[in-house]
Structure formats: structure tokens, C-alpha cells
C-alpha atoms as a PDB file:
ATOM      1  CA  MET A   1      -0.206   0.233   0.329  1.00  0.00           C
ATOM      2  CA  ARG A   2       1.251   3.595  -0.185  1.00  0.00           C
ATOM      3  CA  PHE A   3       1.695   5.894   1.978  1.00  0.00           C
ATOM      4  CA  LEU A   4      -0.707   8.162   3.124  1.00  0.00           C
ATOM      5  CA  LEU A   5      -0.586  11.931   2.799  1.00  0.00           C
ATOM      6  CA  VAL A   6      -3.927  12.972   3.061  1.00  0.00           C
ATOM      7  CA  ASP A   7      -4.905  13.554   7.191  1.00  0.00           C
ATOM      8  CA  ARG A   8      -8.372  13.741   6.570  1.00  0.00           C
ATOM      9  CA  ILE A   9     -11.935  13.594   4.351  1.00  0.00           C
ATOM     10  CA  ARG A  10     -13.876  16.449   5.250  1.00  0.00           C
ATOM     11  CA  GLU A  11     -16.520  15.952   2.816  1.00  0.00           C
ATOM     12  CA  LEU A  12     -17.984  13.452   0.137  1.00  0.00           C
ATOM     13  CA  GLU A  13     -20.074  13.198  -2.485  1.00  0.00           C
ATOM     14  CA  SER A  14     -20.069   9.708  -3.189  1.00  0.00           C
ATOM     15  CA  GLY A  15     -18.239   9.223  -6.587  1.00  0.00           C
ATOM     16  CA  LYS A  16     -18.542  13.240  -6.858  1.00  0.00           C
ATOM     17  CA  ARG A  17     -16.942  15.257  -5.188  1.00  0.00           C
ATOM     18  CA  ALA A  18     -14.594  14.915  -2.437  1.00  0.00           C
ATOM     19  CA  VAL A  19     -12.394  17.642   0.276  1.00  0.00           C
ATOM     20  CA  GLY A  20      -9.659  17.106   2.136  1.00  0.00           C
ATOM     21  CA  VAL A  21      -6.884  18.061   4.123  1.00  0.00           C
ATOM     22  CA  LYS A  22      -3.314  17.765   4.433  1.00  0.00           C
ATOM     23  CA  ASN A  23      -1.171  18.911   6.939  1.00  0.00           C
ATOM     24  CA  VAL A  24       2.699  19.363   6.145  1.00  0.00           C
ATOM     25  CA  THR A  25       5.227  19.201   9.121  1.00  0.00           C
ATOM     26  CA  LEU A  26       8.661  19.642   9.572  1.00  0.00           C
ATOM     27  CA  SER A  27       8.686  15.341  10.230  1.00  0.00           C
ATOM     28  CA  GLU A  28       7.386  14.241   6.826  1.00  0.00           C
ATOM     29  CA  ASP A  29      10.708  11.735   5.599  1.00  0.00           C
ATOM     30  CA  PHE A  30      10.533  14.117   2.560  1.00  0.00           C
ATOM     31  CA  PHE A  31      11.902  17.348   3.938  1.00  0.00           C
ATOM     32  CA  THR A  32      15.368  15.254   4.802  1.00  0.00           C
ATOM     33  CA  HIS A  33      16.353  15.905   0.926  1.00  0.00           C
ATOM     34  CA  HIS A  34      14.223  18.876  -0.536  1.00  0.00           C
ATOM     35  CA  PHE A  35      15.545  20.801   0.644  1.00  0.00           C
ATOM     36  CA  PRO A  36      17.477  20.717   3.976  1.00  0.00           C
ATOM     37  CA  PHE A  37      18.085  24.377   5.176  1.00  0.00           C
ATOM     38  CA  HIS A  38      15.263  25.709   2.829  1.00  0.00           C
ATOM     39  CA  PRO A  39      11.941  22.399   2.991  1.00  0.00           C
ATOM     40  CA  ILE A  40       9.873  22.235   0.195  1.00  0.00           C
ATOM     41  CA  MET A  41       6.923  19.569  -0.316  1.00  0.00           C
ATOM     42  CA  PRO A  42       7.694  18.170  -3.901  1.00  0.00           C
ATOM     43  CA  GLY A  43       4.906  19.330  -6.568  1.00  0.00           C
ATOM     44  CA  ALA A  44       4.934  15.485  -6.975  1.00  0.00           C
ATOM     45  CA  LEU A  45       3.879  15.318  -3.689  1.00  0.00           C
ATOM     46  CA  ILE A  46       1.274  17.821  -3.855  1.00  0.00           C
ATOM     47  CA  MET A  47      -0.717  15.827  -6.436  1.00  0.00           C
ATOM     48  CA  GLU A  48      -0.506  12.076  -5.004  1.00  0.00           C
ATOM     49  CA  CYS A  49      -2.690  14.093  -2.265  1.00  0.00           C
ATOM     50  CA  LEU A  50      -5.186  14.887  -4.691  1.00  0.00           C
ATOM     51  CA  VAL A  51      -4.660  11.687  -5.728  1.00  0.00           C
ATOM     52  CA  GLN A  52      -4.718   9.854  -2.708  1.00  0.00           C
ATOM     53  CA  LEU A  53      -8.364  12.365  -2.185  1.00  0.00           C
ATOM     54  CA  ALA A  54      -9.921  11.037  -5.743  1.00  0.00           C
ATOM     55  CA  ASP A  55      -8.924   7.075  -4.816  1.00  0.00           C
ATOM     56  CA  TRP A  56     -10.611   7.206  -1.518  1.00  0.00           C
ATOM     57  CA  MET A  57     -13.723   9.471  -3.472  1.00  0.00           C
ATOM     58  CA  LEU A  58     -13.406   6.690  -5.816  1.00  0.00           C
ATOM     59  CA  ARG A  59     -13.528   3.934  -3.684  1.00  0.00           C
ATOM     60  CA  GLU A  60     -16.158   4.556  -1.414  1.00  0.00           C
ATOM     61  CA  SER A  61     -18.806   4.951  -4.430  1.00  0.00           C
ATOM     62  CA  THR A  62     -16.961   1.419  -5.434  1.00  0.00           C
ATOM     63  CA  ALA A  63     -18.357  -0.101  -1.776  1.00  0.00           C
ATOM     64  CA  PHE A  64     -14.523  -0.828  -1.593  1.00  0.00           C
ATOM     65  CA  GLU A  65     -14.681  -3.578  -4.216  1.00  0.00           C
ATOM     66  CA  SER A  66     -12.008  -0.855  -6.826  1.00  0.00           C
ATOM     67  CA  VAL A  67      -8.818   0.836  -6.123  1.00  0.00           C
ATOM     68  CA  ALA A  68      -8.074   3.965  -8.197  1.00  0.00           C
ATOM     69  CA  MET A  69      -4.515   4.454  -9.868  1.00  0.00           C
ATOM     70  CA  PRO A  70      -3.420   7.278 -11.999  1.00  0.00           C
ATOM     71  CA  SER A  71      -2.847   6.112 -15.367  1.00  0.00           C
ATOM     72  CA  THR A  72      -2.010   9.286 -17.649  1.00  0.00           C
ATOM     73  CA  PHE A  73      -2.160  12.937 -16.297  1.00  0.00           C
ATOM     74  CA  ASP A  74      -3.232  16.232 -18.353  1.00  0.00           C
ATOM     75  CA  SER A  75      -2.261  18.586 -17.092  1.00  0.00           C
ATOM     76  CA  LEU A  76      -0.662  19.717 -14.196  1.00  0.00           C
ATOM     77  CA  LYS A  77       0.092  23.557 -13.089  1.00  0.00           C
ATOM     78  CA  PHE A  78       1.886  23.943 -10.010  1.00  0.00           C
ATOM     79  CA  TYR A  79       1.282  27.923  -8.525  1.00  0.00           C
ATOM     80  CA  LYS A  80       2.733  28.627  -5.169  1.00  0.00           C
ATOM     81  CA  LEU A  81       5.464  26.278  -2.743  1.00  0.00           C
ATOM     82  CA  VAL A  82       4.241  24.672   0.130  1.00  0.00           C
ATOM     83  CA  ARG A  83       6.575  24.050   3.101  1.00  0.00           C
ATOM     84  CA  PRO A  84       5.939  23.158   6.608  1.00  0.00           C
ATOM     85  CA  GLY A  85       3.290  24.442   9.006  1.00  0.00           C
ATOM     86  CA  ASP A  86       1.359  24.928   5.990  1.00  0.00           C
ATOM     87  CA  GLN A  87      -2.616  23.295   5.601  1.00  0.00           C
ATOM     88  CA  LEU A  88      -3.180  21.927   2.419  1.00  0.00           C
ATOM     89  CA  GLN A  89      -7.139  22.023   1.552  1.00  0.00           C
ATOM     90  CA  LEU A  90      -7.500  19.040  -1.315  1.00  0.00           C
ATOM     91  CA  GLU A  91     -10.786  18.861  -4.230  1.00  0.00           C
ATOM     92  CA  VAL A  92     -11.634  17.087  -7.060  1.00  0.00           C
ATOM     93  CA  GLU A  93     -14.122  16.430  -8.939  1.00  0.00           C
ATOM     94  CA  LEU A  94     -15.012  13.507 -11.214  1.00  0.00           C
ATOM     95  CA  VAL A  95     -15.303  15.244 -14.934  1.00  0.00           C
ATOM     96  CA  SER A  96     -15.791  12.039 -16.783  1.00  0.00           C
ATOM     97  CA  ARG A  97     -16.416   7.882 -15.885  1.00  0.00           C
ATOM     98  CA  GLU A  98     -16.142   5.594 -18.460  1.00  0.00           C
ATOM     99  CA  ASN A  99     -15.264   1.705 -19.001  1.00  0.00           C
ATOM    100  CA  GLY A 100     -13.302   1.824 -15.642  1.00  0.00           C
ATOM    101  CA  HIS A 101     -11.243   5.010 -16.461  1.00  0.00           C
ATOM    102  CA  CYS A 102     -12.638   7.825 -14.103  1.00  0.00           C
ATOM    103  CA  VAL A 103     -11.086  11.573 -15.559  1.00  0.00           C
ATOM    104  CA  ILE A 104     -10.587  14.100 -12.122  1.00  0.00           C
ATOM    105  CA  ARG A 105     -10.244  16.796 -11.978  1.00  0.00           C
ATOM    106  CA  GLY A 106      -8.128  18.741  -8.668  1.00  0.00           C
ATOM    107  CA  GLN A 107      -7.187  21.618  -6.893  1.00  0.00           C
ATOM    108  CA  ALA A 108      -4.665  22.599  -3.740  1.00  0.00           C
ATOM    109  CA  ARG A 109      -5.235  25.706  -1.705  1.00  0.00           C
ATOM    110  CA  CYS A 110      -3.008  27.066   0.943  1.00  0.00           C
ATOM    111  CA  GLU A 111      -5.286  29.441   2.858  1.00  0.00           C
ATOM    112  CA  SER A 112      -7.149  30.844   0.156  1.00  0.00           C
ATOM    113  CA  GLU A 113      -4.213  30.989  -2.592  1.00  0.00           C
ATOM    114  CA  THR A 114      -4.383  28.200  -5.360  1.00  0.00           C
ATOM    115  CA  VAL A 115      -0.918  26.432  -5.050  1.00  0.00           C
ATOM    116  CA  ALA A 116      -1.756  23.301  -7.618  1.00  0.00           C
ATOM    117  CA  VAL A 117      -4.429  22.115  -9.729  1.00  0.00           C
ATOM    118  CA  GLY A 118      -4.512  18.865 -12.419  1.00  0.00           C
ATOM    119  CA  ARG A 119      -6.733  16.814 -14.393  1.00  0.00           C
ATOM    120  CA  PHE A 120      -5.606  13.521 -14.342  1.00  0.00           C
ATOM    121  CA  THR A 121      -7.006   9.602 -14.771  1.00  0.00           C
ATOM    122  CA  MET A 122      -7.857   7.165 -12.493  1.00  0.00           C
ATOM    123  CA  THR A 123      -7.780   3.463 -13.813  1.00  0.00           C
ATOM    124  CA  LEU A 124      -9.851   1.398 -11.435  1.00  0.00           C
ATOM    125  CA  ARG A 125      -8.717  -2.046 -10.424  1.00  0.00           C
ATOM    126  CA  PRO A 126     -10.129  -4.589  -8.608  1.00  0.00           C
ATOM    127  CA  ALA A 127      -9.357  -4.006  -4.817  1.00  0.00           C
ATOM    128  CA  GLU A 128      -8.570  -7.725  -4.057  1.00  0.00           C
ATOM    129  CA  ASP A 129      -5.137  -6.983  -5.598  1.00  0.00           C
ATOM    130  CA  PHE A 130      -4.476  -3.810  -3.376  1.00  0.00           C
ATOM    131  CA  GLY A 131      -5.804  -5.938   0.196  1.00  0.00           C
ATOM    132  CA  SER A 132      -8.481  -7.027   1.824  1.00  0.00           C
ATOM    133  CA  VAL A 133     -11.535  -5.109   1.642  1.00  0.00           C
ATOM    134  CA  ASP A 134     -12.281  -4.621   4.746  1.00  0.00           C
ATOM    135  CA  GLU A 135      -8.389  -3.279   5.997  1.00  0.00           C
ATOM    136  CA  LEU A 136      -9.568  -0.502   2.936  1.00  0.00           C
ATOM    137  CA  ARG A 137     -12.675   0.300   4.984  1.00  0.00           C
ATOM    138  CA  LYS A 138     -11.330   0.237   7.835  1.00  0.00           C
ATOM    139  CA  LEU A 139      -8.725   3.000   6.918  1.00  0.00           C
ATOM    140  CA  TYR A 140     -11.388   4.818   5.250  1.00  0.00           C
ATOM    141  CA  ASN A 141     -13.077   4.987   8.633  1.00  0.00           C
ATOM    142  CA  MET A 142     -10.215   6.359  10.059  1.00  0.00           C
ATOM    143  CA  ILE A 143      -9.649   9.684   7.596  1.00  0.00           C
ATOM    144  CA  ARG A 144     -13.334  10.253   6.592  1.00  0.00           C
ATOM    145  CA  GLY A 145     -14.276  11.658  10.208  1.00  0.00           C
ATOM    146  CA  PRO A 146     -17.352  13.340  11.292  1.00  0.00           C
ATOM    147  CA  GLY A 147     -18.570  15.882   7.830  1.00  0.00           C
ATOM    148  CA  PRO A 148     -20.171  19.804   8.306  1.00  0.00           C
ATOM    149  CA  GLY A 149     -22.603  19.607  11.021  1.00  0.00           C
ATOM    150  CA  GLU A 150     -22.211  15.784  12.067  1.00  0.00           C
END
């Protein structure tokens, strides 16, 4: 299993849209080398946050019978550096879904500023190829947390 970057899923519209957060801390392993005296979160990991949030949105919509893996990235743009102490607000939405391929639009913001945007395709694969469905549900329930007004 990939390492988990999304700290909390705040909102989820099954198979349509999800909102989550990533708290960026100095203790993240990647800051050791990127860069020791000027820590910056790698853009690839910002995109990985969006991919993971989209994966959870799609897993939940298939009753955890499928896992979504990134297959193509159509456009990525980065606007601002992300540093320790920042909190990324993540949002993904489904653009289209056809034959097990899901096109996703994602945006990461820090405070009210856009940090990164991307459009990518996720391919659905059987969940049992990646672990037990029960374990995937448990992990989802840990990061899901209560939604607004709950």
C-alpha cells in the first residue's frame, strides 16, 4: 500500500466530489532531502495528495470493491511553494467516468491561495489485488471523520 498523505476527508459526495486536508509538518521524511535548509514540499507529492483523495472518493463509490490508480496526467500547474506548517485544502471532482477510467479535476489550496491544479485519469482495479476490503474500509473510516454538521 502507498503511504497515506491525506490526513482527513472533510466532505464526500459519493463518486462525484471530495474535500480533504493535508497538514504539512517538518517531520515529513521528504523534507530531509528537499531541501534540508529550505524545506519545500515536492510538487509530485502535492499531486499525490489529490490522487489519494480521488482514490478514496472512487473506492467509497464502489463499496470498496475497487481501487483507483493514476494512469495519465493531462495537465498540472503549480503556483506557490508549500512549506512545513502549511495546511493543504484538497478538492477533487469527477469530470467523467467511462469503462473503468475516471477523469478527475483537482485543486490544492493553502489558506485562500491556489497552490496547484491538475487534471488526471484514474483507472479502477479490483481491490483484492491491493489488500483486504475490510482493511481498506477501516483505513477510510480512520481518515473520514465527521462531515459538516455531524
